[in-house]
């Protein structure tokens, strides 16, 4: 339970791999991590907020301006409470918005507002991952200090095979530990 007591703000975006993030949340909670989930509208097409609420034991943030959520925590407070901001799956859309400072939903706005370390875990079709614009966005995000856990290789939901799969939860947990648990007082790269 190396991460117990830590606070992870988790952004879930709209990819089929969102279902795998449910297991990740369960594992984080088992380690006594305080998990605050936020979801894009597209993510809600794959997994419901109720699922993440049941797994995390906390309300799920789905709207940038929600009277209920704003009274309880607010998007700036959510950005400030994170020991780590984790986005999984990070779609090509999310990577593009993040690389260009577009803040049009709860996930991208919290991403722009946080001072916490950021871990992006891309997952998408192999052609989308290999597209020059996506790779340019990844390079730009790395330059500004975001950590990127590259996708795994294998069969993809679209029927093709290649690099684009969401890494297994154990790999994501390991990356979170490397970033959150400092080596001699410094944030480590994955």
Protein backbone atom coordinates (compact mmCIF):
# COMPACT_ATOMS: atom_id res chain seq x y z
CA UNK A 1 0.00 0.00 0.00
CA UNK A 2 2.59 2.47 -1.10
CA UNK A 3 0.07 5.06 -2.30
CA UNK A 4 -2.19 5.05 0.76
CA UNK A 5 -3.29 8.52 1.77
CA UNK A 6 -2.47 10.03 -1.63
CA UNK A 7 -5.07 11.89 -3.68
CA UNK A 8 -5.41 11.10 -7.37
CA UNK A 9 -7.71 13.09 -9.60
CA UNK A 10 -8.58 10.79 -12.48
CA UNK A 11 -9.87 12.06 -15.80
CA UNK A 12 -11.65 9.50 -17.96
CA UNK A 13 -12.13 10.35 -21.64
CA UNK A 14 -14.20 8.75 -24.39
CA UNK A 15 -12.47 5.61 -25.53
CA UNK A 16 -13.46 1.97 -25.32
CA UNK A 17 -10.61 1.45 -22.85
CA UNK A 18 -12.63 3.40 -20.25
CA UNK A 19 -14.00 0.07 -19.02
CA UNK A 20 -10.45 -1.00 -18.00
CA UNK A 21 -10.16 2.09 -15.82
CA UNK A 22 -12.86 0.67 -13.52
CA UNK A 23 -10.38 -2.00 -12.40
CA UNK A 24 -7.71 0.66 -11.94
CA UNK A 25 -10.00 2.67 -9.64
CA UNK A 26 -10.79 -0.46 -7.63
CA UNK A 27 -7.07 -1.17 -7.19
CA UNK A 28 -6.30 2.42 -6.18
CA UNK A 29 -9.07 2.37 -3.57
CA UNK A 30 -7.72 -0.96 -2.24
CA UNK A 31 -4.43 0.91 -1.65
CA UNK A 32 -6.41 3.53 0.31
CA UNK A 33 -5.94 6.19 -2.35
CA UNK A 34 -8.48 9.02 -2.37
CA UNK A 35 -9.72 8.88 -5.98
CA UNK A 36 -11.70 11.77 -7.45
CA UNK A 37 -13.09 10.82 -10.87
CA UNK A 38 -14.06 13.29 -13.57
CA UNK A 39 -15.49 12.26 -16.93
CA UNK A 40 -16.01 13.80 -20.33
CA UNK A 41 -19.38 13.41 -22.03
CA UNK A 42 -17.85 10.93 -24.47
CA UNK A 43 -16.53 8.82 -21.58
CA UNK A 44 -20.06 8.54 -20.24
CA UNK A 45 -21.03 6.73 -23.45
CA UNK A 46 -18.75 3.84 -22.40
CA UNK A 47 -19.05 3.74 -18.59
CA UNK A 48 -21.60 5.48 -16.37
CA UNK A 49 -20.65 7.95 -13.64
CA UNK A 50 -22.55 5.72 -11.21
CA UNK A 51 -20.03 2.92 -11.82
CA UNK A 52 -17.11 5.15 -10.89
CA UNK A 53 -19.01 6.59 -7.94
CA UNK A 54 -19.62 3.09 -6.59
CA UNK A 55 -15.97 2.11 -7.09
CA UNK A 56 -14.42 5.31 -5.70
CA UNK A 57 -16.96 6.03 -2.98
CA UNK A 58 -17.06 9.66 -4.13
CA UNK A 59 -19.22 11.82 -6.39
CA UNK A 60 -18.10 11.84 -10.02
CA UNK A 61 -17.54 15.18 -11.72
CA UNK A 62 -19.06 15.41 -15.19
CA UNK A 63 -19.82 19.09 -15.76
CA UNK A 64 -17.57 22.10 -15.73
CA UNK A 65 -20.23 24.27 -14.11
CA UNK A 66 -22.52 22.24 -11.90
CA UNK A 67 -24.20 23.94 -8.96
CA UNK A 68 -23.90 20.82 -6.82
CA UNK A 69 -20.28 20.12 -7.71
CA UNK A 70 -19.29 23.78 -7.47
CA UNK A 71 -20.68 24.00 -3.92
CA UNK A 72 -18.84 20.85 -2.87
CA UNK A 73 -15.44 21.23 -4.48
CA UNK A 74 -15.25 23.36 -7.64
CA UNK A 75 -13.01 22.65 -10.61
CA UNK A 76 -10.16 24.79 -9.27
CA UNK A 77 -10.30 23.11 -5.86
CA UNK A 78 -10.28 19.74 -7.64
CA UNK A 79 -7.14 20.79 -9.53
CA UNK A 80 -5.50 21.92 -6.28
CA UNK A 81 -6.17 18.83 -4.19
CA UNK A 82 -4.37 16.35 -6.49
CA UNK A 83 -1.10 14.68 -5.59
CA UNK A 84 -1.33 13.41 -9.18
CA UNK A 85 -3.60 14.18 -12.10
CA UNK A 86 -4.06 10.97 -14.09
CA UNK A 87 -5.92 10.83 -17.39
CA UNK A 88 -6.77 7.35 -18.65
CA UNK A 89 -7.65 6.68 -21.33
CA UNK A 90 -6.19 9.80 -22.91
CA UNK A 91 -7.70 9.92 -26.39
CA UNK A 92 -6.22 11.67 -29.42
CA UNK A 93 -8.84 14.38 -28.84
CA UNK A 94 -7.66 14.92 -25.26
CA UNK A 95 -3.99 15.00 -26.31
CA UNK A 96 -4.77 17.63 -28.97
CA UNK A 97 -6.78 19.79 -26.58
CA UNK A 98 -4.12 19.55 -23.86
CA UNK A 99 -1.30 20.39 -26.27
CA UNK A 100 -3.14 23.51 -27.43
CA UNK A 101 -4.64 24.70 -24.15
CA UNK A 102 -8.25 24.06 -25.06
CA UNK A 103 -10.36 23.95 -21.90
CA UNK A 104 -13.90 23.04 -22.89
CA UNK A 105 -14.89 20.43 -20.31
CA UNK A 106 -14.15 19.45 -16.71
CA UNK A 107 -11.16 17.25 -17.60
CA UNK A 108 -9.32 19.74 -19.81
CA UNK A 109 -10.04 22.64 -17.46
CA UNK A 110 -8.72 20.81 -14.39
CA UNK A 111 -5.71 19.71 -16.44
CA UNK A 112 -4.93 23.31 -17.31
CA UNK A 113 -5.48 24.52 -13.73
CA UNK A 114 -3.46 21.93 -11.80
CA UNK A 115 0.06 22.33 -10.50
CA UNK A 116 0.24 18.62 -9.64
CA UNK A 117 2.30 16.17 -11.69
CA UNK A 118 0.35 14.89 -14.70
CA UNK A 119 0.31 11.36 -16.10
CA UNK A 120 -1.39 10.82 -19.45
CA UNK A 121 -2.14 7.25 -20.53
CA UNK A 122 -3.05 7.30 -24.24
CA UNK A 123 -5.28 4.68 -25.81
CA UNK A 124 -6.60 4.78 -29.37
CA UNK A 125 -6.47 3.15 -32.78
CA UNK A 126 -2.92 2.42 -33.96
CA UNK A 127 -3.27 4.75 -36.96
CA UNK A 128 -4.46 7.56 -34.70
CA UNK A 129 -1.53 6.96 -32.33
CA UNK A 130 0.98 6.95 -35.19
CA UNK A 131 -0.49 10.02 -36.90
CA UNK A 132 2.12 12.80 -37.13
CA UNK A 133 -0.18 15.34 -35.44
CA UNK A 134 -0.77 13.03 -32.46
CA UNK A 135 2.96 12.38 -32.15
CA UNK A 136 3.63 16.13 -32.37
CA UNK A 137 1.09 16.70 -29.58
CA UNK A 138 2.74 14.00 -27.43
CA UNK A 139 6.15 15.62 -27.95
CA UNK A 140 4.75 19.03 -27.00
CA UNK A 141 3.11 17.62 -23.84
CA UNK A 142 6.34 15.94 -22.78
CA UNK A 143 8.21 19.23 -23.28
CA UNK A 144 5.89 21.01 -20.85
CA UNK A 145 6.52 18.32 -18.24
CA UNK A 146 3.64 15.88 -18.57
CA UNK A 147 4.49 12.22 -18.15
CA UNK A 148 3.21 9.92 -20.90
CA UNK A 149 2.81 6.17 -20.43
CA UNK A 150 2.90 4.88 -24.01
CA UNK A 151 0.13 2.56 -25.13
CA UNK A 152 0.71 -1.18 -25.22
CA UNK A 153 0.77 -3.27 -28.38
CA UNK A 154 -1.74 -5.94 -29.28
CA UNK A 155 -5.25 -6.49 -30.63
CA UNK A 156 -7.41 -3.37 -30.58
CA UNK A 157 -11.18 -3.04 -30.19
CA UNK A 158 -11.49 -1.84 -33.80
CA UNK A 159 -10.23 -5.19 -35.08
CA UNK A 160 -6.72 -4.06 -35.97
CA UNK A 161 -3.51 -4.82 -34.14
CA UNK A 162 -0.70 -2.53 -33.05
CA UNK A 163 0.28 0.09 -30.51
CA UNK A 164 -2.78 1.69 -29.00
CA UNK A 165 -4.02 -0.49 -26.13
CA UNK A 166 -4.43 0.96 -22.66
CA UNK A 167 -1.62 -0.51 -20.52
CA UNK A 168 -2.72 -2.97 -17.86
CA UNK A 169 -3.72 -1.50 -14.48
CA UNK A 170 -0.53 -2.80 -12.81
CA UNK A 171 1.59 -0.79 -15.26
CA UNK A 172 -0.45 2.34 -14.63
CA UNK A 173 -0.20 1.85 -10.85
CA UNK A 174 3.56 1.42 -11.13
CA UNK A 175 3.81 4.65 -13.16
CA UNK A 176 1.70 6.48 -10.55
CA UNK A 177 4.01 5.26 -7.79
CA UNK A 178 7.12 6.38 -9.66
CA UNK A 179 5.69 9.86 -10.08
CA UNK A 180 4.05 10.37 -6.68
CA UNK A 181 6.63 8.71 -4.46
CA UNK A 182 9.64 10.97 -4.73
CA UNK A 183 13.22 9.81 -4.89
CA UNK A 184 15.08 12.05 -2.44
CA UNK A 185 12.42 14.76 -2.63
CA UNK A 186 12.02 14.95 -6.41
CA UNK A 187 9.22 13.86 -8.71
CA UNK A 188 10.54 10.98 -10.80
CA UNK A 189 9.90 10.42 -14.48
CA UNK A 190 8.39 7.17 -15.67
